[in-house]
Amino acid sequence: MELIKQFEAAKELTKSFTEKPDNETLLKLYSLYKQGAEGDVNIEEPSNMFDFVGKAKYNAWNGLKGTSSDVAMQSYINLVNALVNKK
């Protein structure tokens, strides 16, 4: 239960970022959060070939397929903390 509280606290911390992370970091945050919160990807890959953002998000999340929720949550927490402490 403690991990879930830390995970939610890390999510709240992202709202206080004063500087937007680069796109690669944003994709990593997105995919780790989705894997931690929902598990393996549960949506279809975007079919619009011009939906570059949707495809990137899908591919990032799908790349974590098979990663346990606990591992994804801890990785998300670690990444958020590293970003906060970087400033």
PDB file of N, CA and C in Angstrom:
ATOM      1  N   MET A   1       0.823  -1.203   0.000  1.00  0.00           N
ATOM      2  CA  MET A   1       0.000   0.000   0.000  1.00  0.00           C
ATOM      3  C   MET A   1       0.865   1.264   0.000  1.00  0.00           C
ATOM      4  N   GLU A   2       2.011   1.178   0.672  1.00  0.00           N
ATOM      5  CA  GLU A   2       2.912   2.333   0.742  1.00  0.00           C
ATOM      6  C   GLU A   2       3.388   2.737  -0.657  1.00  0.00           C
ATOM      7  N   LEU A   3       3.661   1.758  -1.513  1.00  0.00           N
ATOM      8  CA  LEU A   3       4.135   2.037  -2.864  1.00  0.00           C
ATOM      9  C   LEU A   3       3.092   2.839  -3.639  1.00  0.00           C
ATOM     10  N   ILE A   4       1.835   2.503  -3.487  1.00  0.00           N
ATOM     11  CA  ILE A   4       0.767   3.220  -4.186  1.00  0.00           C
ATOM     12  C   ILE A   4       0.710   4.675  -3.729  1.00  0.00           C
ATOM     13  N   LYS A   5       0.887   4.906  -2.432  1.00  0.00           N
ATOM     14  CA  LYS A   5       0.886   6.279  -1.913  1.00  0.00           C
ATOM     15  C   LYS A   5       2.061   7.066  -2.485  1.00  0.00           C
ATOM     16  N   GLN A   6       3.224   6.446  -2.547  1.00  0.00           N
ATOM     17  CA  GLN A   6       4.400   7.109  -3.120  1.00  0.00           C
ATOM     18  C   GLN A   6       4.196   7.390  -4.607  1.00  0.00           C
ATOM     19  N   PHE A   7       3.558   6.445  -5.294  1.00  0.00           N
ATOM     20  CA  PHE A   7       3.267   6.580  -6.717  1.00  0.00           C
ATOM     21  C   PHE A   7       2.344   7.775  -6.968  1.00  0.00           C
ATOM     22  N   GLU A   8       1.290   7.874  -6.175  1.00  0.00           N
ATOM     23  CA  GLU A   8       0.353   8.993  -6.318  1.00  0.00           C
ATOM     24  C   GLU A   8       1.012  10.316  -5.935  1.00  0.00           C
ATOM     25  N   ALA A   9       1.877  10.291  -4.918  1.00  0.00           N
ATOM     26  CA  ALA A   9       2.599  11.505  -4.519  1.00  0.00           C
ATOM     27  C   ALA A   9       3.539  11.955  -5.640  1.00  0.00           C
ATOM     28  N   ALA A  10       4.179  10.994  -6.312  1.00  0.00           N
ATOM     29  CA  ALA A  10       5.063  11.324  -7.435  1.00  0.00           C
ATOM     30  C   ALA A  10       4.261  11.930  -8.576  1.00  0.00           C
ATOM     31  N   LYS A  11       3.069  11.401  -8.806  1.00  0.00           N
ATOM     32  CA  LYS A  11       2.200  11.958  -9.854  1.00  0.00           C
ATOM     33  C   LYS A  11       1.886  13.421  -9.551  1.00  0.00           C
ATOM     34  N   GLU A  12       1.595  13.713  -8.294  1.00  0.00           N
ATOM     35  CA  GLU A  12       1.305  15.091  -7.892  1.00  0.00           C
ATOM     36  C   GLU A  12       2.531  15.986  -8.048  1.00  0.00           C
ATOM     37  N   LEU A  13       3.710  15.430  -7.774  1.00  0.00           N
ATOM     38  CA  LEU A  13       4.950  16.200  -7.920  1.00  0.00           C
ATOM     39  C   LEU A  13       5.161  16.659  -9.362  1.00  0.00           C
ATOM     40  N   THR A  14       4.739  15.839 -10.325  1.00  0.00           N
ATOM     41  CA  THR A  14       4.939  16.217 -11.731  1.00  0.00           C
ATOM     42  C   THR A  14       4.179  17.485 -12.079  1.00  0.00           C
ATOM     43  N   LYS A  15       3.122  17.766 -11.353  1.00  0.00           N
ATOM     44  CA  LYS A  15       2.330  18.971 -11.612  1.00  0.00           C
ATOM     45  C   LYS A  15       3.059  20.238 -11.179  1.00  0.00           C
ATOM     46  N   SER A  16       4.092  20.067 -10.365  1.00  0.00           N
ATOM     47  CA  SER A  16       4.820  21.236  -9.873  1.00  0.00           C
ATOM     48  C   SER A  16       6.126  21.473 -10.620  1.00  0.00           C
ATOM     49  N   PHE A  17       6.386  20.696 -11.681  1.00  0.00           N
ATOM     50  CA  PHE A  17       7.598  20.922 -12.468  1.00  0.00           C
ATOM     51  C   PHE A  17       7.585  22.353 -12.997  1.00  0.00           C
ATOM     52  N   THR A  18       8.686  23.046 -12.825  1.00  0.00           N
ATOM     53  CA  THR A  18       8.771  24.420 -13.329  1.00  0.00           C
ATOM     54  C   THR A  18       9.264  24.440 -14.770  1.00  0.00           C
ATOM     55  N   GLU A  19       9.874  23.341 -15.191  1.00  0.00           N
ATOM     56  CA  GLU A  19      10.396  23.228 -16.543  1.00  0.00           C
ATOM     57  C   GLU A  19       9.882  21.932 -17.156  1.00  0.00           C
ATOM     58  N   LYS A  20       9.406  22.018 -18.387  1.00  0.00           N
ATOM     59  CA  LYS A  20       8.880  20.828 -19.056  1.00  0.00           C
ATOM     60  C   LYS A  20      10.040  19.905 -19.451  1.00  0.00           C
ATOM     61  N   PRO A  21       9.959  18.627 -19.063  1.00  0.00           N
ATOM     62  CA  PRO A  21      11.003  17.672 -19.466  1.00  0.00           C
ATOM     63  C   PRO A  21      11.012  17.487 -20.983  1.00  0.00           C
ATOM     64  N   ASP A  22      12.129  16.977 -21.500  1.00  0.00           N
ATOM     65  CA  ASP A  22      12.219  16.714 -22.938  1.00  0.00           C
ATOM     66  C   ASP A  22      11.243  15.600 -23.323  1.00  0.00           C
ATOM     67  N   ASN A  23      11.002  15.465 -24.610  1.00  0.00           N
ATOM     68  CA  ASN A  23      10.002  14.507 -25.105  1.00  0.00           C
ATOM     69  C   ASN A  23      10.313  13.067 -24.716  1.00  0.00           C
ATOM     70  N   GLU A  24      11.578  12.686 -24.732  1.00  0.00           N
ATOM     71  CA  GLU A  24      11.948  11.315 -24.361  1.00  0.00           C
ATOM     72  C   GLU A  24      11.586  11.039 -22.898  1.00  0.00           C
ATOM     73  N   THR A  25      11.855  12.009 -22.044  1.00  0.00           N
ATOM     74  CA  THR A  25      11.532  11.857 -20.624  1.00  0.00           C
ATOM     75  C   THR A  25      10.024  11.839 -20.420  1.00  0.00           C
ATOM     76  N   LEU A  26       9.316  12.686 -21.155  1.00  0.00           N
ATOM     77  CA  LEU A  26       7.849  12.694 -21.053  1.00  0.00           C
ATOM     78  C   LEU A  26       7.266  11.338 -21.446  1.00  0.00           C
ATOM     79  N   LEU A  27       7.798  10.734 -22.505  1.00  0.00           N
ATOM     80  CA  LEU A  27       7.325   9.417 -22.930  1.00  0.00           C
ATOM     81  C   LEU A  27       7.626   8.364 -21.869  1.00  0.00           C
ATOM     82  N   LYS A  28       8.789   8.467 -21.248  1.00  0.00           N
ATOM     83  CA  LYS A  28       9.152   7.513 -20.202  1.00  0.00           C
ATOM     84  C   LYS A  28       8.212   7.678 -19.011  1.00  0.00           C
ATOM     85  N   LEU A  29       7.933   8.933 -18.609  1.00  0.00           N
ATOM     86  CA  LEU A  29       6.997   9.183 -17.510  1.00  0.00           C
ATOM     87  C   LEU A  29       5.616   8.618 -17.845  1.00  0.00           C
ATOM     88  N   TYR A  30       5.143   8.900 -19.050  1.00  0.00           N
ATOM     89  CA  TYR A  30       3.827   8.431 -19.490  1.00  0.00           C
ATOM     90  C   TYR A  30       3.743   6.909 -19.437  1.00  0.00           C
ATOM     91  N   SER A  31       4.735   6.253 -20.047  1.00  0.00           N
ATOM     92  CA  SER A  31       4.665   4.789 -20.156  1.00  0.00           C
ATOM     93  C   SER A  31       4.798   4.121 -18.786  1.00  0.00           C
ATOM     94  N   LEU A  32       5.678   4.638 -17.947  1.00  0.00           N
ATOM     95  CA  LEU A  32       5.821   4.054 -16.603  1.00  0.00           C
ATOM     96  C   LEU A  32       4.554   4.270 -15.787  1.00  0.00           C
ATOM     97  N   TYR A  33       3.954   5.462 -15.920  1.00  0.00           N
ATOM     98  CA  TYR A  33       2.720   5.714 -15.179  1.00  0.00           C
ATOM     99  C   TYR A  33       1.604   4.776 -15.642  1.00  0.00           C
ATOM    100  N   LYS A  34       1.431   4.670 -16.953  1.00  0.00           N
ATOM    101  CA  LYS A  34       0.362   3.808 -17.487  1.00  0.00           C
ATOM    102  C   LYS A  34       0.591   2.347 -17.104  1.00  0.00           C
ATOM    103  N   GLN A  35       1.844   1.876 -17.189  1.00  0.00           N
ATOM    104  CA  GLN A  35       2.144   0.488 -16.838  1.00  0.00           C
ATOM    105  C   GLN A  35       1.895   0.260 -15.349  1.00  0.00           C
ATOM    106  N   GLY A  36       2.265   1.229 -14.524  1.00  0.00           N
ATOM    107  CA  GLY A  36       2.049   1.106 -13.088  1.00  0.00           C
ATOM    108  C   GLY A  36       0.583   1.159 -12.709  1.00  0.00           C
ATOM    109  N   ALA A  37      -0.164   2.031 -13.374  1.00  0.00           N
ATOM    110  CA  ALA A  37      -1.573   2.230 -13.029  1.00  0.00           C
ATOM    111  C   ALA A  37      -2.502   1.210 -13.687  1.00  0.00           C
ATOM    112  N   GLU A  38      -2.193   0.814 -14.929  1.00  0.00           N
ATOM    113  CA  GLU A  38      -3.127  -0.028 -15.689  1.00  0.00           C
ATOM    114  C   GLU A  38      -2.577  -1.383 -16.110  1.00  0.00           C
ATOM    115  N   GLY A  39      -1.266  -1.566 -16.030  1.00  0.00           N
ATOM    116  CA  GLY A  39      -0.674  -2.811 -16.503  1.00  0.00           C
ATOM    117  C   GLY A  39      -0.365  -2.741 -17.989  1.00  0.00           C
ATOM    118  N   ASP A  40      -0.278  -3.898 -18.630  1.00  0.00           N
ATOM    119  CA  ASP A  40       0.062  -3.948 -20.051  1.00  0.00           C
ATOM    120  C   ASP A  40      -0.905  -3.119 -20.883  1.00  0.00           C
ATOM    121  N   VAL A  41      -0.384  -2.624 -21.999  1.00  0.00           N
ATOM    122  CA  VAL A  41      -1.164  -1.761 -22.895  1.00  0.00           C
ATOM    123  C   VAL A  41      -2.517  -2.400 -23.190  1.00  0.00           C
ATOM    124  N   ASN A  42      -3.571  -1.595 -23.084  1.00  0.00           N
ATOM    125  CA  ASN A  42      -4.928  -2.108 -23.251  1.00  0.00           C
ATOM    126  C   ASN A  42      -5.718  -1.312 -24.288  1.00  0.00           C
ATOM    127  N   ILE A  43      -4.993  -0.651 -25.175  1.00  0.00           N
ATOM    128  CA  ILE A  43      -5.620   0.111 -26.256  1.00  0.00           C
ATOM    129  C   ILE A  43      -5.023  -0.363 -27.579  1.00  0.00           C
ATOM    130  N   GLU A  44      -5.710  -0.072 -28.651  1.00  0.00           N
ATOM    131  CA  GLU A  44      -5.186  -0.433 -29.966  1.00  0.00           C
ATOM    132  C   GLU A  44      -4.203   0.632 -30.423  1.00  0.00           C
ATOM    133  N   GLU A  45      -3.239   0.192 -31.206  1.00  0.00           N
ATOM    134  CA  GLU A  45      -2.279   1.130 -31.776  1.00  0.00           C
ATOM    135  C   GLU A  45      -3.026   2.105 -32.693  1.00  0.00           C
ATOM    136  N   PRO A  46      -2.709   3.397 -32.618  1.00  0.00           N
ATOM    137  CA  PRO A  46      -3.385   4.358 -33.484  1.00  0.00           C
ATOM    138  C   PRO A  46      -3.203   3.981 -34.954  1.00  0.00           C
ATOM    139  N   SER A  47      -4.284   4.036 -35.710  1.00  0.00           N
ATOM    140  CA  SER A  47      -4.221   3.640 -37.116  1.00  0.00           C
ATOM    141  C   SER A  47      -3.879   4.812 -38.034  1.00  0.00           C
ATOM    142  N   ASN A  48      -4.046   6.038 -37.547  1.00  0.00           N
ATOM    143  CA  ASN A  48      -3.722   7.216 -38.348  1.00  0.00           C
ATOM    144  C   ASN A  48      -2.208   7.359 -38.442  1.00  0.00           C
ATOM    145  N   MET A  49      -1.666   7.233 -39.641  1.00  0.00           N
ATOM    146  CA  MET A  49      -0.218   7.273 -39.804  1.00  0.00           C
ATOM    147  C   MET A  49       0.391   8.622 -39.453  1.00  0.00           C
ATOM    148  N   PHE A  50      -0.448   9.652 -39.328  1.00  0.00           N
ATOM    149  CA  PHE A  50       0.053  10.976 -38.972  1.00  0.00           C
ATOM    150  C   PHE A  50      -0.109  11.285 -37.487  1.00  0.00           C
ATOM    151  N   ASP A  51      -0.595  10.331 -36.720  1.00  0.00           N
ATOM    152  CA  ASP A  51      -0.723  10.503 -35.271  1.00  0.00           C
ATOM    153  C   ASP A  51       0.592  10.098 -34.616  1.00  0.00           C
ATOM    154  N   PHE A  52       1.598  10.943 -34.813  1.00  0.00           N
ATOM    155  CA  PHE A  52       2.942  10.632 -34.332  1.00  0.00           C
ATOM    156  C   PHE A  52       3.005  10.568 -32.808  1.00  0.00           C
ATOM    157  N   VAL A  53       2.305  11.470 -32.159  1.00  0.00           N
ATOM    158  CA  VAL A  53       2.307  11.486 -30.692  1.00  0.00           C
ATOM    159  C   VAL A  53       1.616  10.244 -30.153  1.00  0.00           C
ATOM    160  N   GLY A  54       0.459   9.920 -30.694  1.00  0.00           N
ATOM    161  CA  GLY A  54      -0.276   8.739 -30.260  1.00  0.00           C
ATOM    162  C   GLY A  54       0.533   7.462 -30.463  1.00  0.00           C
ATOM    163  N   LYS A  55       1.208   7.372 -31.611  1.00  0.00           N
ATOM    164  CA  LYS A  55       2.026   6.187 -31.893  1.00  0.00           C
ATOM    165  C   LYS A  55       3.219   6.109 -30.941  1.00  0.00           C
ATOM    166  N   ALA A  56       3.836   7.253 -30.662  1.00  0.00           N
ATOM    167  CA  ALA A  56       4.993   7.267 -29.754  1.00  0.00           C
ATOM    168  C   ALA A  56       4.566   6.846 -28.351  1.00  0.00           C
ATOM    169  N   LYS A  57       3.420   7.342 -27.904  1.00  0.00           N
ATOM    170  CA  LYS A  57       2.920   6.973 -26.584  1.00  0.00           C
ATOM    171  C   LYS A  57       2.578   5.481 -26.524  1.00  0.00           C
ATOM    172  N   TYR A  58       1.909   5.005 -27.558  1.00  0.00           N
ATOM    173  CA  TYR A  58       1.557   3.587 -27.624  1.00  0.00           C
ATOM    174  C   TYR A  58       2.822   2.721 -27.579  1.00  0.00           C
ATOM    175  N   ASN A  59       3.798   3.063 -28.425  1.00  0.00           N
ATOM    176  CA  ASN A  59       5.022   2.262 -28.507  1.00  0.00           C
ATOM    177  C   ASN A  59       5.805   2.288 -27.187  1.00  0.00           C
ATOM    178  N   ALA A  60       5.832   3.443 -26.531  1.00  0.00           N
ATOM    179  CA  ALA A  60       6.542   3.546 -25.250  1.00  0.00           C
ATOM    180  C   ALA A  60       5.874   2.654 -24.206  1.00  0.00           C
ATOM    181  N   TRP A  61       4.557   2.718 -24.129  1.00  0.00           N
ATOM    182  CA  TRP A  61       3.825   1.899 -23.152  1.00  0.00           C
ATOM    183  C   TRP A  61       3.944   0.420 -23.504  1.00  0.00           C
ATOM    184  N   ASN A  62       3.760   0.091 -24.782  1.00  0.00           N
ATOM    185  CA  ASN A  62       3.843  -1.297 -25.228  1.00  0.00           C
ATOM    186  C   ASN A  62       5.240  -1.873 -24.997  1.00  0.00           C
ATOM    187  N   GLY A  63       6.253  -1.013 -25.007  1.00  0.00           N
ATOM    188  CA  GLY A  63       7.618  -1.452 -24.756  1.00  0.00           C
ATOM    189  C   GLY A  63       7.836  -1.966 -23.335  1.00  0.00           C
ATOM    190  N   LEU A  64       6.907  -1.640 -22.441  1.00  0.00           N
ATOM    191  CA  LEU A  64       6.999  -2.100 -21.055  1.00  0.00           C
ATOM    192  C   LEU A  64       6.157  -3.342 -20.802  1.00  0.00           C
ATOM    193  N   LYS A  65       5.598  -3.897 -21.856  1.00  0.00           N
ATOM    194  CA  LYS A  65       4.735  -5.073 -21.723  1.00  0.00           C
ATOM    195  C   LYS A  65       5.431  -6.159 -20.908  1.00  0.00           C
ATOM    196  N   GLY A  66       4.723  -6.691 -19.930  1.00  0.00           N
ATOM    197  CA  GLY A  66       5.264  -7.735 -19.080  1.00  0.00           C
ATOM    198  C   GLY A  66       5.939  -7.211 -17.818  1.00  0.00           C
ATOM    199  N   THR A  67       6.157  -5.886 -17.742  1.00  0.00           N
ATOM    200  CA  THR A  67       6.751  -5.293 -16.537  1.00  0.00           C
ATOM    201  C   THR A  67       5.671  -5.250 -15.456  1.00  0.00           C
ATOM    202  N   SER A  68       6.009  -5.697 -14.262  1.00  0.00           N
ATOM    203  CA  SER A  68       5.019  -5.701 -13.188  1.00  0.00           C
ATOM    204  C   SER A  68       4.656  -4.273 -12.796  1.00  0.00           C
ATOM    205  N   SER A  69       3.459  -4.114 -12.273  1.00  0.00           N
ATOM    206  CA  SER A  69       3.002  -2.800 -11.827  1.00  0.00           C
ATOM    207  C   SER A  69       3.923  -2.231 -10.755  1.00  0.00           C
ATOM    208  N   ASP A  70       4.358  -3.080  -9.833  1.00  0.00           N
ATOM    209  CA  ASP A  70       5.238  -2.615  -8.751  1.00  0.00           C
ATOM    210  C   ASP A  70       6.560  -2.079  -9.291  1.00  0.00           C
ATOM    211  N   VAL A  71       7.139  -2.777 -10.238  1.00  0.00           N
ATOM    212  CA  VAL A  71       8.411  -2.334 -10.830  1.00  0.00           C
ATOM    213  C   VAL A  71       8.198  -1.027 -11.583  1.00  0.00           C
ATOM    214  N   ALA A  72       7.114  -0.929 -12.350  1.00  0.00           N
ATOM    215  CA  ALA A  72       6.825   0.297 -13.098  1.00  0.00           C
ATOM    216  C   ALA A  72       6.574   1.466 -12.144  1.00  0.00           C
ATOM    217  N   MET A  73       5.822   1.229 -11.063  1.00  0.00           N
ATOM    218  CA  MET A  73       5.559   2.290 -10.099  1.00  0.00           C
ATOM    219  C   MET A  73       6.852   2.774  -9.466  1.00  0.00           C
ATOM    220  N   GLN A  74       7.720   1.850  -9.049  1.00  0.00           N
ATOM    221  CA  GLN A  74       8.975   2.249  -8.412  1.00  0.00           C
ATOM    222  C   GLN A  74       9.867   3.000  -9.399  1.00  0.00           C
ATOM    223  N   SER A  75       9.902   2.565 -10.653  1.00  0.00           N
ATOM    224  CA  SER A  75      10.696   3.247 -11.676  1.00  0.00           C
ATOM    225  C   SER A  75      10.160   4.655 -11.920  1.00  0.00           C
ATOM    226  N   TYR A  76       8.845   4.806 -11.921  1.00  0.00           N
ATOM    227  CA  TYR A  76       8.212   6.117 -12.093  1.00  0.00           C
ATOM    228  C   TYR A  76       8.597   7.028 -10.933  1.00  0.00           C
ATOM    229  N   ILE A  77       8.484   6.519  -9.710  1.00  0.00           N
ATOM    230  CA  ILE A  77       8.838   7.289  -8.510  1.00  0.00           C
ATOM    231  C   ILE A  77      10.293   7.728  -8.587  1.00  0.00           C
ATOM    232  N   ASN A  78      11.178   6.813  -8.943  1.00  0.00           N
ATOM    233  CA  ASN A  78      12.607   7.118  -9.048  1.00  0.00           C
ATOM    234  C   ASN A  78      12.877   8.194 -10.097  1.00  0.00           C
ATOM    235  N   LEU A  79      12.216   8.107 -11.243  1.00  0.00           N
ATOM    236  CA  LEU A  79      12.406   9.080 -12.309  1.00  0.00           C
ATOM    237  C   LEU A  79      11.907  10.456 -11.880  1.00  0.00           C
ATOM    238  N   VAL A  80      10.723  10.513 -11.294  1.00  0.00           N
ATOM    239  CA  VAL A  80      10.184  11.804 -10.834  1.00  0.00           C
ATOM    240  C   VAL A  80      11.122  12.415  -9.796  1.00  0.00           C
ATOM    241  N   ASN A  81      11.569  11.620  -8.849  1.00  0.00           N
ATOM    242  CA  ASN A  81      12.481  12.134  -7.818  1.00  0.00           C
ATOM    243  C   ASN A  81      13.789  12.633  -8.427  1.00  0.00           C
ATOM    244  N   ALA A  82      14.300  11.927  -9.421  1.00  0.00           N
ATOM    245  CA  ALA A  82      15.536  12.358 -10.090  1.00  0.00           C
ATOM    246  C   ALA A  82      15.313  13.693 -10.797  1.00  0.00           C
ATOM    247  N   LEU A  83      14.154  13.866 -11.413  1.00  0.00           N
ATOM    248  CA  LEU A  83      13.856  15.125 -12.094  1.00  0.00           C
ATOM    249  C   LEU A  83      13.704  16.270 -11.108  1.00  0.00           C
ATOM    250  N   VAL A  84      13.070  16.001  -9.978  1.00  0.00           N
ATOM    251  CA  VAL A  84      12.888  17.031  -8.960  1.00  0.00           C
ATOM    252  C   VAL A  84      14.233  17.432  -8.358  1.00  0.00           C
ATOM    253  N   ASN A  85      15.074  16.448  -8.075  1.00  0.00           N
ATOM    254  CA  ASN A  85      16.359  16.713  -7.441  1.00  0.00           C
ATOM    255  C   ASN A  85      17.392  17.301  -8.407  1.00  0.00           C
ATOM    256  N   LYS A  86      17.121  17.195  -9.710  1.00  0.00           N
ATOM    257  CA  LYS A  86      18.015  17.708 -10.736  1.00  0.00           C
ATOM    258  C   LYS A  86      18.033  19.232 -10.749  1.00  0.00           C
ATOM    259  N   LYS A  87      16.956  19.820 -10.316  1.00  0.00           N
ATOM    260  CA  LYS A  87      16.796  21.276 -10.406  1.00  0.00           C
ATOM    261  C   LYS A  87      17.493  21.996  -9.287  1.00  0.00           C
TER     262      LYS A  87
END
